[in-house]
Amino acid sequence: MKAMSARDAKHQFGLLIDTARAEPVVIEKHGRPVVVVVAVEEFERLKALDDAATDKLRET
């Protein structure tokens, strides 16, 4: 997983998008992670897993 400062993310937004399409990118502010940028496909996969887990919990 790559990391990028918030400032670099702002100034190199195109690079951020290109990188995040291939692998998650952690955005750091003052050296601390604040968000992770992921490709839409990865987000949808994670959302489906979360939805399935939530549905399973509701069944019990």
N, C-alpha and C. Protein backbone atom coordinates (compact mmCIF):
# COMPACT_ATOMS: atom_id res chain seq x y z
N MET A 1 0.85 -1.16 0.00
CA MET A 1 0.00 0.00 0.00
C MET A 1 0.90 1.23 0.00
N LYS A 2 0.62 2.13 -0.90
CA LYS A 2 1.41 3.36 -0.99
C LYS A 2 0.85 4.42 -0.04
N ALA A 3 1.67 5.42 0.25
CA ALA A 3 1.26 6.54 1.09
C ALA A 3 1.62 7.84 0.39
N MET A 4 0.84 8.87 0.67
CA MET A 4 1.06 10.17 0.05
C MET A 4 0.58 11.24 1.04
N SER A 5 1.29 12.33 1.10
CA SER A 5 0.84 13.42 1.97
C SER A 5 -0.40 14.08 1.35
N ALA A 6 -1.20 14.72 2.19
CA ALA A 6 -2.38 15.42 1.69
C ALA A 6 -1.98 16.50 0.69
N ARG A 7 -0.87 17.15 0.97
CA ARG A 7 -0.40 18.21 0.06
C ARG A 7 -0.04 17.62 -1.31
N ASP A 8 0.71 16.51 -1.30
CA ASP A 8 1.06 15.87 -2.57
C ASP A 8 -0.18 15.38 -3.30
N ALA A 9 -1.14 14.84 -2.55
CA ALA A 9 -2.38 14.36 -3.16
C ALA A 9 -3.11 15.50 -3.86
N LYS A 10 -3.11 16.66 -3.23
CA LYS A 10 -3.77 17.83 -3.82
C LYS A 10 -3.06 18.28 -5.09
N HIS A 11 -1.74 18.32 -5.04
CA HIS A 11 -0.97 18.84 -6.17
C HIS A 11 -0.74 17.81 -7.27
N GLN A 12 -0.89 16.53 -6.94
CA GLN A 12 -0.67 15.46 -7.92
C GLN A 12 -1.90 14.56 -7.98
N PHE A 13 -3.07 15.18 -8.10
CA PHE A 13 -4.32 14.43 -8.05
C PHE A 13 -4.41 13.36 -9.13
N GLY A 14 -3.94 13.67 -10.32
CA GLY A 14 -3.94 12.68 -11.40
C GLY A 14 -3.12 11.46 -11.05
N LEU A 15 -1.96 11.67 -10.46
CA LEU A 15 -1.11 10.56 -10.02
C LEU A 15 -1.81 9.76 -8.93
N LEU A 16 -2.47 10.45 -8.01
CA LEU A 16 -3.21 9.77 -6.95
C LEU A 16 -4.26 8.84 -7.55
N ILE A 17 -5.02 9.34 -8.49
CA ILE A 17 -6.06 8.52 -9.13
C ILE A 17 -5.45 7.32 -9.84
N ASP A 18 -4.42 7.55 -10.62
CA ASP A 18 -3.77 6.45 -11.34
C ASP A 18 -3.23 5.39 -10.39
N THR A 19 -2.61 5.83 -9.31
CA THR A 19 -2.04 4.90 -8.33
C THR A 19 -3.15 4.13 -7.62
N ALA A 20 -4.20 4.84 -7.21
CA ALA A 20 -5.30 4.21 -6.46
C ALA A 20 -6.07 3.20 -7.30
N ARG A 21 -6.03 3.34 -8.61
CA ARG A 21 -6.68 2.35 -9.47
C ARG A 21 -5.95 1.01 -9.42
N ALA A 22 -4.66 1.05 -9.10
CA ALA A 22 -3.85 -0.17 -9.03
C ALA A 22 -3.73 -0.72 -7.62
N GLU A 23 -3.71 0.17 -6.62
CA GLU A 23 -3.57 -0.26 -5.22
C GLU A 23 -4.04 0.85 -4.29
N PRO A 24 -4.48 0.48 -3.08
CA PRO A 24 -4.93 1.51 -2.15
C PRO A 24 -3.81 2.51 -1.83
N VAL A 25 -4.20 3.76 -1.61
CA VAL A 25 -3.25 4.82 -1.27
C VAL A 25 -3.69 5.46 0.04
N VAL A 26 -2.81 5.46 1.02
CA VAL A 26 -3.07 6.12 2.30
C VAL A 26 -2.70 7.59 2.16
N ILE A 27 -3.62 8.47 2.53
CA ILE A 27 -3.34 9.90 2.53
C ILE A 27 -3.04 10.31 3.97
N GLU A 28 -1.88 10.95 4.14
CA GLU A 28 -1.44 11.34 5.48
C GLU A 28 -1.47 12.85 5.64
N LYS A 29 -1.82 13.27 6.84
CA LYS A 29 -1.79 14.68 7.20
C LYS A 29 -0.97 14.79 8.47
N HIS A 30 0.08 15.60 8.42
CA HIS A 30 1.02 15.74 9.54
C HIS A 30 1.61 14.38 9.93
N GLY A 31 1.85 13.53 8.91
CA GLY A 31 2.47 12.24 9.14
C GLY A 31 1.55 11.15 9.67
N ARG A 32 0.27 11.46 9.81
CA ARG A 32 -0.68 10.47 10.32
C ARG A 32 -1.69 10.10 9.23
N PRO A 33 -2.03 8.83 9.11
CA PRO A 33 -3.01 8.42 8.10
C PRO A 33 -4.39 8.97 8.42
N VAL A 34 -5.06 9.53 7.40
CA VAL A 34 -6.40 10.08 7.61
C VAL A 34 -7.46 9.44 6.72
N VAL A 35 -7.09 9.05 5.52
CA VAL A 35 -8.03 8.37 4.62
C VAL A 35 -7.26 7.40 3.73
N VAL A 36 -8.02 6.49 3.13
CA VAL A 36 -7.46 5.59 2.13
C VAL A 36 -8.28 5.75 0.86
N VAL A 37 -7.61 5.93 -0.25
CA VAL A 37 -8.27 6.05 -1.55
C VAL A 37 -8.13 4.70 -2.25
N VAL A 38 -9.28 4.16 -2.68
CA VAL A 38 -9.28 2.87 -3.38
C VAL A 38 -10.06 2.98 -4.68
N ALA A 39 -9.80 2.06 -5.57
CA ALA A 39 -10.53 2.00 -6.83
C ALA A 39 -11.99 1.65 -6.56
N VAL A 40 -12.88 2.07 -7.45
CA VAL A 40 -14.31 1.80 -7.29
C VAL A 40 -14.57 0.31 -7.17
N GLU A 41 -13.88 -0.49 -7.96
CA GLU A 41 -14.10 -1.94 -7.91
C GLU A 41 -13.77 -2.50 -6.52
N GLU A 42 -12.69 -2.02 -5.93
CA GLU A 42 -12.31 -2.48 -4.59
C GLU A 42 -13.33 -2.01 -3.56
N PHE A 43 -13.79 -0.78 -3.69
CA PHE A 43 -14.81 -0.27 -2.77
C PHE A 43 -16.07 -1.12 -2.86
N GLU A 44 -16.51 -1.42 -4.07
CA GLU A 44 -17.72 -2.23 -4.26
C GLU A 44 -17.55 -3.62 -3.68
N ARG A 45 -16.36 -4.21 -3.83
CA ARG A 45 -16.09 -5.53 -3.26
C ARG A 45 -16.16 -5.48 -1.74
N LEU A 46 -15.54 -4.47 -1.14
CA LEU A 46 -15.57 -4.33 0.31
C LEU A 46 -16.98 -4.05 0.82
N LYS A 47 -17.73 -3.24 0.10
CA LYS A 47 -19.11 -2.93 0.48
C LYS A 47 -19.97 -4.18 0.45
N ALA A 48 -19.79 -5.02 -0.57
CA ALA A 48 -20.55 -6.26 -0.66
C ALA A 48 -20.23 -7.18 0.51
N LEU A 49 -18.96 -7.27 0.88
CA LEU A 49 -18.57 -8.08 2.04
C LEU A 49 -19.21 -7.55 3.32
N ASP A 50 -19.20 -6.24 3.48
CA ASP A 50 -19.81 -5.62 4.66
C ASP A 50 -21.32 -5.86 4.69
N ASP A 51 -21.97 -5.71 3.55
CA ASP A 51 -23.41 -5.94 3.47
C ASP A 51 -23.75 -7.39 3.81
N ALA A 52 -22.96 -8.33 3.30
CA ALA A 52 -23.19 -9.74 3.58
C ALA A 52 -23.02 -10.04 5.07
N ALA A 53 -22.00 -9.46 5.68
CA ALA A 53 -21.77 -9.67 7.11
C ALA A 53 -22.91 -9.06 7.93
N THR A 54 -23.38 -7.89 7.53
CA THR A 54 -24.49 -7.24 8.24
C THR A 54 -25.76 -8.08 8.12
N ASP A 55 -26.03 -8.60 6.93
CA ASP A 55 -27.21 -9.45 6.73
C ASP A 55 -27.12 -10.70 7.60
N LYS A 56 -25.94 -11.28 7.67
CA LYS A 56 -25.76 -12.49 8.47
C LYS A 56 -26.01 -12.20 9.95
N LEU A 57 -25.54 -11.06 10.44
CA LEU A 57 -25.77 -10.68 11.84
C LEU A 57 -27.25 -10.44 12.12
N ARG A 58 -27.95 -9.89 11.17
CA ARG A 58 -29.39 -9.63 11.35
C ARG A 58 -30.18 -10.92 11.43
N GLU A 59 -29.68 -11.99 10.80
CA GLU A 59 -30.37 -13.28 10.82
C GLU A 59 -30.32 -13.94 12.19
N THR A 60 -29.35 -13.56 13.01
CA THR A 60 -29.21 -14.21 14.32
C THR A 60 -30.00 -13.51 15.40
